[in-house]
């Protein structure tokens, strides 16, 4: 059983995404706003191929930490992939789809989490 806290998972996922050159990595705390989970990690890829590569990198990295997603949706189209790690939900968008769905605007009340990513 893995003992990472939700916030440690957020930072681990953000680091994995950053290492694969994801764009505009954001994390927000949703635990006081919904029962969906505690945090969203949101990132973009510049192509469908990169979106899949980002998804694969997160899955491989989390598996190495002993965590498997409860669900994975959207991988085939690679426009918006969701990886559900129960308390942390990862959203990886193709850039244009991210602009269209605008999760950050929908969840504007959610506090942003400071991510220390060295680009």
N, C-alpha and C. Protein backbone atom coordinates (compact mmCIF):
# COMPACT_ATOMS: atom_id res chain seq x y z
N UNK A 1 0.85 -1.20 0.00
CA UNK A 1 0.00 0.00 0.00
C UNK A 1 0.88 1.24 0.00
N UNK A 2 0.53 2.21 -0.80
CA UNK A 2 1.31 3.43 -0.90
C UNK A 2 0.92 4.41 0.19
N UNK A 3 1.89 5.13 0.70
CA UNK A 3 1.62 6.05 1.81
C UNK A 3 1.79 7.52 1.43
N UNK A 4 1.81 7.82 0.13
CA UNK A 4 1.92 9.23 -0.26
C UNK A 4 0.64 9.97 0.09
N UNK A 5 0.80 11.19 0.59
CA UNK A 5 -0.38 12.02 0.82
C UNK A 5 -0.85 12.58 -0.52
N UNK A 6 -2.05 13.11 -0.54
CA UNK A 6 -2.60 13.67 -1.78
C UNK A 6 -1.69 14.79 -2.32
N UNK A 7 -1.23 15.66 -1.44
CA UNK A 7 -0.39 16.78 -1.92
C UNK A 7 0.96 16.28 -2.43
N UNK A 8 1.48 15.21 -1.85
CA UNK A 8 2.72 14.62 -2.37
C UNK A 8 2.49 14.03 -3.75
N UNK A 9 1.32 13.44 -3.97
CA UNK A 9 0.97 12.92 -5.31
C UNK A 9 0.90 14.07 -6.31
N UNK A 10 0.29 15.18 -5.91
CA UNK A 10 0.19 16.36 -6.79
C UNK A 10 1.59 16.79 -7.25
N UNK A 11 2.51 16.92 -6.31
CA UNK A 11 3.86 17.37 -6.67
C UNK A 11 4.60 16.32 -7.51
N UNK A 12 4.37 15.04 -7.22
CA UNK A 12 5.00 13.98 -8.02
C UNK A 12 4.49 14.02 -9.45
N UNK A 13 3.17 14.12 -9.63
CA UNK A 13 2.58 14.18 -10.97
C UNK A 13 3.07 15.42 -11.71
N UNK A 14 3.07 16.56 -11.06
CA UNK A 14 3.53 17.80 -11.69
C UNK A 14 4.97 17.68 -12.16
N UNK A 15 5.80 17.05 -11.36
CA UNK A 15 7.20 16.84 -11.72
C UNK A 15 7.33 15.91 -12.92
N UNK A 16 6.54 14.84 -12.93
CA UNK A 16 6.55 13.91 -14.07
C UNK A 16 6.13 14.63 -15.36
N UNK A 17 5.10 15.44 -15.27
CA UNK A 17 4.63 16.20 -16.43
C UNK A 17 5.68 17.20 -16.89
N UNK A 18 6.30 17.88 -15.93
CA UNK A 18 7.33 18.86 -16.24
C UNK A 18 8.52 18.21 -16.94
N UNK A 19 8.90 17.01 -16.49
CA UNK A 19 10.03 16.30 -17.09
C UNK A 19 9.76 15.92 -18.54
N UNK A 20 8.50 15.83 -18.92
CA UNK A 20 8.13 15.50 -20.30
C UNK A 20 7.70 16.74 -21.09
N UNK A 21 8.03 17.91 -20.55
CA UNK A 21 7.78 19.18 -21.25
C UNK A 21 6.31 19.53 -21.43
N UNK A 22 5.47 19.16 -20.46
CA UNK A 22 4.07 19.57 -20.50
C UNK A 22 4.02 21.09 -20.40
N UNK A 23 2.97 21.67 -20.94
CA UNK A 23 2.80 23.12 -20.90
C UNK A 23 1.78 23.51 -19.84
N UNK A 24 2.02 24.66 -19.23
CA UNK A 24 1.04 25.29 -18.34
C UNK A 24 0.50 24.32 -17.27
N UNK A 25 1.42 23.75 -16.50
CA UNK A 25 1.04 22.80 -15.45
C UNK A 25 0.45 23.58 -14.27
N UNK A 26 -0.75 23.20 -13.88
CA UNK A 26 -1.48 23.87 -12.81
C UNK A 26 -2.05 22.83 -11.87
N UNK A 27 -2.10 23.16 -10.59
CA UNK A 27 -2.77 22.29 -9.62
C UNK A 27 -3.72 23.15 -8.80
N UNK A 28 -4.91 22.61 -8.57
CA UNK A 28 -5.89 23.33 -7.76
C UNK A 28 -6.47 22.38 -6.71
N UNK A 29 -6.82 22.97 -5.58
CA UNK A 29 -7.41 22.20 -4.48
C UNK A 29 -8.92 22.28 -4.58
N UNK A 30 -9.54 21.11 -4.73
CA UNK A 30 -10.99 21.07 -4.93
C UNK A 30 -11.74 20.40 -3.78
N UNK A 31 -11.01 19.98 -2.74
CA UNK A 31 -11.64 19.15 -1.71
C UNK A 31 -12.77 19.84 -0.95
N UNK A 32 -12.75 21.14 -0.86
CA UNK A 32 -13.84 21.85 -0.18
C UNK A 32 -14.99 22.21 -1.11
N UNK A 33 -14.84 21.90 -2.41
CA UNK A 33 -15.82 22.29 -3.41
C UNK A 33 -16.60 21.12 -4.01
N UNK A 34 -16.06 19.90 -3.88
CA UNK A 34 -16.68 18.74 -4.52
C UNK A 34 -16.24 17.46 -3.83
N UNK A 35 -16.95 16.38 -4.09
CA UNK A 35 -16.54 15.07 -3.59
C UNK A 35 -15.75 14.29 -4.64
N UNK A 36 -15.48 14.90 -5.78
CA UNK A 36 -14.74 14.22 -6.85
C UNK A 36 -13.35 13.78 -6.41
N UNK A 37 -12.71 14.60 -5.62
CA UNK A 37 -11.35 14.34 -5.18
C UNK A 37 -10.85 15.51 -4.37
N UNK A 38 -9.55 15.51 -4.09
CA UNK A 38 -8.95 16.61 -3.33
C UNK A 38 -8.25 17.63 -4.22
N UNK A 39 -7.66 17.16 -5.30
CA UNK A 39 -6.87 18.03 -6.17
C UNK A 39 -7.07 17.67 -7.64
N UNK A 40 -6.98 18.67 -8.49
CA UNK A 40 -6.84 18.49 -9.93
C UNK A 40 -5.43 18.91 -10.29
N UNK A 41 -4.77 18.15 -11.14
CA UNK A 41 -3.54 18.58 -11.79
C UNK A 41 -3.90 18.69 -13.26
N UNK A 42 -3.64 19.86 -13.85
CA UNK A 42 -4.04 20.14 -15.22
C UNK A 42 -2.79 20.53 -16.01
N UNK A 43 -2.65 19.94 -17.21
CA UNK A 43 -1.50 20.26 -18.06
C UNK A 43 -1.92 20.14 -19.52
N UNK A 44 -1.08 20.68 -20.39
CA UNK A 44 -1.36 20.65 -21.83
C UNK A 44 -0.20 20.04 -22.60
N UNK A 45 -0.57 19.44 -23.73
CA UNK A 45 0.40 18.98 -24.70
C UNK A 45 0.12 19.66 -26.02
N UNK A 46 1.15 19.81 -26.84
CA UNK A 46 1.00 20.55 -28.09
C UNK A 46 0.56 19.67 -29.26
N UNK A 47 0.44 18.36 -29.03
CA UNK A 47 -0.04 17.45 -30.06
C UNK A 47 -0.70 16.25 -29.38
N UNK A 48 -1.47 15.49 -30.15
CA UNK A 48 -2.08 14.29 -29.59
C UNK A 48 -1.00 13.31 -29.14
N UNK A 49 0.08 13.25 -29.91
CA UNK A 49 1.19 12.36 -29.55
C UNK A 49 1.80 12.76 -28.22
N UNK A 50 1.98 14.07 -28.00
CA UNK A 50 2.54 14.51 -26.73
C UNK A 50 1.56 14.27 -25.59
N UNK A 51 0.27 14.46 -25.81
CA UNK A 51 -0.73 14.19 -24.77
C UNK A 51 -0.61 12.74 -24.32
N UNK A 52 -0.51 11.81 -25.29
CA UNK A 52 -0.36 10.39 -24.94
C UNK A 52 0.95 10.14 -24.20
N UNK A 53 2.03 10.78 -24.64
CA UNK A 53 3.32 10.60 -23.98
C UNK A 53 3.27 11.12 -22.54
N UNK A 54 2.59 12.25 -22.33
CA UNK A 54 2.45 12.79 -20.97
C UNK A 54 1.65 11.83 -20.10
N UNK A 55 0.57 11.30 -20.65
CA UNK A 55 -0.26 10.33 -19.93
C UNK A 55 0.56 9.09 -19.57
N UNK A 56 1.30 8.58 -20.54
CA UNK A 56 2.13 7.40 -20.31
C UNK A 56 3.17 7.66 -19.22
N UNK A 57 3.78 8.85 -19.25
CA UNK A 57 4.81 9.19 -18.26
C UNK A 57 4.21 9.23 -16.86
N UNK A 58 3.02 9.81 -16.72
CA UNK A 58 2.37 9.87 -15.41
C UNK A 58 2.02 8.46 -14.94
N UNK A 59 1.43 7.68 -15.83
CA UNK A 59 1.06 6.31 -15.44
C UNK A 59 2.27 5.50 -15.02
N UNK A 60 3.35 5.57 -15.80
CA UNK A 60 4.56 4.82 -15.47
C UNK A 60 5.16 5.30 -14.14
N UNK A 61 5.21 6.61 -13.97
CA UNK A 61 5.77 7.17 -12.74
C UNK A 61 4.95 6.81 -11.51
N UNK A 62 3.64 6.88 -11.65
CA UNK A 62 2.77 6.56 -10.51
C UNK A 62 2.80 5.06 -10.22
N UNK A 63 2.87 4.23 -11.26
CA UNK A 63 3.01 2.79 -11.05
C UNK A 63 4.28 2.48 -10.27
N UNK A 64 5.37 3.18 -10.62
CA UNK A 64 6.63 3.00 -9.91
C UNK A 64 6.49 3.38 -8.43
N UNK A 65 5.55 4.27 -8.13
CA UNK A 65 5.29 4.67 -6.74
C UNK A 65 4.23 3.76 -6.09
N UNK A 66 3.77 2.77 -6.83
CA UNK A 66 2.79 1.83 -6.29
C UNK A 66 1.35 2.26 -6.44
N UNK A 67 1.09 3.17 -7.38
CA UNK A 67 -0.28 3.68 -7.57
C UNK A 67 -0.77 3.43 -8.99
N UNK A 68 -1.98 2.92 -9.09
CA UNK A 68 -2.61 2.69 -10.38
C UNK A 68 -3.86 3.57 -10.46
N UNK A 69 -4.18 4.09 -11.66
CA UNK A 69 -5.39 4.91 -11.77
C UNK A 69 -6.65 4.06 -11.59
N UNK A 70 -7.61 4.63 -10.90
CA UNK A 70 -8.92 4.00 -10.76
C UNK A 70 -9.59 3.92 -12.14
N UNK A 71 -9.42 4.99 -12.92
CA UNK A 71 -9.98 5.09 -14.26
C UNK A 71 -9.03 5.88 -15.15
N UNK A 72 -9.12 5.57 -16.44
CA UNK A 72 -8.40 6.35 -17.46
C UNK A 72 -9.38 6.55 -18.60
N UNK A 73 -9.61 7.80 -18.98
CA UNK A 73 -10.57 8.09 -20.04
C UNK A 73 -9.95 9.07 -21.04
N UNK A 74 -10.31 8.90 -22.30
CA UNK A 74 -9.92 9.84 -23.34
C UNK A 74 -8.61 9.56 -24.03
N UNK A 75 -7.96 8.45 -23.68
CA UNK A 75 -6.62 8.18 -24.22
C UNK A 75 -6.63 8.02 -25.74
N UNK A 76 -7.65 7.35 -26.28
CA UNK A 76 -7.68 7.08 -27.73
C UNK A 76 -7.68 8.37 -28.55
N UNK A 77 -8.53 9.33 -28.19
CA UNK A 77 -8.59 10.58 -28.96
C UNK A 77 -7.46 11.53 -28.57
N UNK A 78 -6.99 11.41 -27.33
CA UNK A 78 -5.89 12.24 -26.81
C UNK A 78 -6.18 13.74 -26.92
N UNK A 79 -7.46 14.09 -26.80
CA UNK A 79 -7.83 15.51 -26.75
C UNK A 79 -7.91 15.96 -25.29
N UNK A 80 -8.41 15.08 -24.44
CA UNK A 80 -8.53 15.35 -23.00
C UNK A 80 -8.47 14.00 -22.30
N UNK A 81 -7.34 13.71 -21.68
CA UNK A 81 -7.16 12.44 -20.97
C UNK A 81 -7.32 12.71 -19.49
N UNK A 82 -8.10 11.86 -18.83
CA UNK A 82 -8.29 11.96 -17.39
C UNK A 82 -7.74 10.70 -16.73
N UNK A 83 -6.85 10.89 -15.76
CA UNK A 83 -6.35 9.79 -14.94
C UNK A 83 -6.86 10.04 -13.52
N UNK A 84 -7.62 9.10 -13.01
CA UNK A 84 -8.24 9.26 -11.70
C UNK A 84 -7.48 8.46 -10.65
N UNK A 85 -6.74 9.17 -9.80
CA UNK A 85 -6.03 8.55 -8.70
C UNK A 85 -6.77 8.79 -7.38
N UNK A 86 -8.07 8.75 -7.43
CA UNK A 86 -9.00 8.92 -6.31
C UNK A 86 -8.95 10.31 -5.70
N UNK A 87 -7.89 10.65 -4.98
CA UNK A 87 -7.81 11.97 -4.35
C UNK A 87 -7.15 13.01 -5.27
N UNK A 88 -6.44 12.53 -6.28
CA UNK A 88 -5.79 13.41 -7.25
C UNK A 88 -6.27 13.00 -8.65
N UNK A 89 -6.85 13.95 -9.36
CA UNK A 89 -7.34 13.68 -10.71
C UNK A 89 -6.50 14.50 -11.68
N UNK A 90 -5.90 13.79 -12.63
CA UNK A 90 -4.99 14.40 -13.58
C UNK A 90 -5.73 14.62 -14.90
N UNK A 91 -5.69 15.86 -15.40
CA UNK A 91 -6.30 16.23 -16.68
C UNK A 91 -5.18 16.65 -17.62
N UNK A 92 -5.03 15.92 -18.71
CA UNK A 92 -4.02 16.27 -19.71
C UNK A 92 -4.75 16.60 -21.01
N UNK A 93 -4.61 17.83 -21.42
CA UNK A 93 -5.35 18.34 -22.58
C UNK A 93 -4.44 18.57 -23.78
N UNK A 94 -5.03 18.39 -24.96
CA UNK A 94 -4.47 18.99 -26.16
C UNK A 94 -4.79 20.48 -26.01
N UNK A 95 -3.82 21.34 -26.33
CA UNK A 95 -3.95 22.77 -26.02
C UNK A 95 -5.30 23.39 -26.41
N UNK A 96 -5.77 23.14 -27.62
CA UNK A 96 -7.02 23.75 -28.07
C UNK A 96 -8.21 23.25 -27.25
N UNK A 97 -8.19 21.98 -26.86
CA UNK A 97 -9.27 21.43 -26.03
C UNK A 97 -9.24 22.07 -24.65
N UNK A 98 -8.07 22.34 -24.13
CA UNK A 98 -7.97 22.99 -22.82
C UNK A 98 -8.59 24.37 -22.85
N UNK A 99 -8.30 25.11 -23.91
CA UNK A 99 -8.90 26.44 -24.05
C UNK A 99 -10.42 26.33 -24.12
N UNK A 100 -10.90 25.34 -24.86
CA UNK A 100 -12.34 25.17 -25.04
C UNK A 100 -13.05 24.82 -23.73
N UNK A 101 -12.51 23.85 -23.00
CA UNK A 101 -13.18 23.39 -21.77
C UNK A 101 -12.91 24.28 -20.57
N UNK A 102 -11.78 24.94 -20.56
CA UNK A 102 -11.45 25.95 -19.56
C UNK A 102 -11.77 25.54 -18.11
N UNK A 103 -11.19 24.40 -17.69
CA UNK A 103 -11.43 23.91 -16.33
C UNK A 103 -11.08 24.93 -15.25
N UNK A 104 -9.99 25.65 -15.47
CA UNK A 104 -9.59 26.64 -14.46
C UNK A 104 -10.66 27.70 -14.26
N UNK A 105 -11.35 28.07 -15.34
CA UNK A 105 -12.43 29.04 -15.21
C UNK A 105 -13.62 28.42 -14.48
N UNK A 106 -13.94 27.18 -14.82
CA UNK A 106 -15.05 26.49 -14.16
C UNK A 106 -14.80 26.32 -12.66
N UNK A 107 -13.54 26.13 -12.31
CA UNK A 107 -13.15 25.90 -10.91
C UNK A 107 -12.42 27.13 -10.36
N UNK A 108 -12.86 28.31 -10.75
CA UNK A 108 -12.17 29.55 -10.36
C UNK A 108 -12.14 29.75 -8.84
N UNK A 109 -13.08 29.16 -8.11
CA UNK A 109 -13.11 29.29 -6.65
C UNK A 109 -12.06 28.41 -5.96
N UNK A 110 -11.47 27.48 -6.70
CA UNK A 110 -10.51 26.54 -6.10
C UNK A 110 -9.15 27.20 -5.92
N UNK A 111 -8.57 27.06 -4.74
CA UNK A 111 -7.23 27.64 -4.52
C UNK A 111 -6.18 26.95 -5.38
N UNK A 112 -5.28 27.75 -5.95
CA UNK A 112 -4.17 27.20 -6.72
C UNK A 112 -3.09 26.71 -5.76
N UNK A 113 -2.43 25.63 -6.16
CA UNK A 113 -1.34 25.07 -5.39
C UNK A 113 -0.03 25.56 -5.99
N UNK A 114 0.86 26.01 -5.14
CA UNK A 114 2.19 26.45 -5.59
C UNK A 114 3.01 25.24 -6.02
N UNK A 115 3.43 25.21 -7.26
CA UNK A 115 4.27 24.12 -7.76
C UNK A 115 5.66 24.68 -8.03
N UNK A 116 6.66 24.08 -7.44
CA UNK A 116 8.03 24.54 -7.64
C UNK A 116 8.67 23.71 -8.75
N UNK A 117 8.38 24.09 -9.98
CA UNK A 117 8.93 23.38 -11.13
C UNK A 117 10.00 24.23 -11.76
N UNK A 118 11.17 23.65 -11.86
CA UNK A 118 12.29 24.37 -12.48
C UNK A 118 12.31 24.05 -13.96
N UNK A 119 11.97 25.05 -14.74
CA UNK A 119 11.94 24.86 -16.21
C UNK A 119 13.33 24.94 -16.78
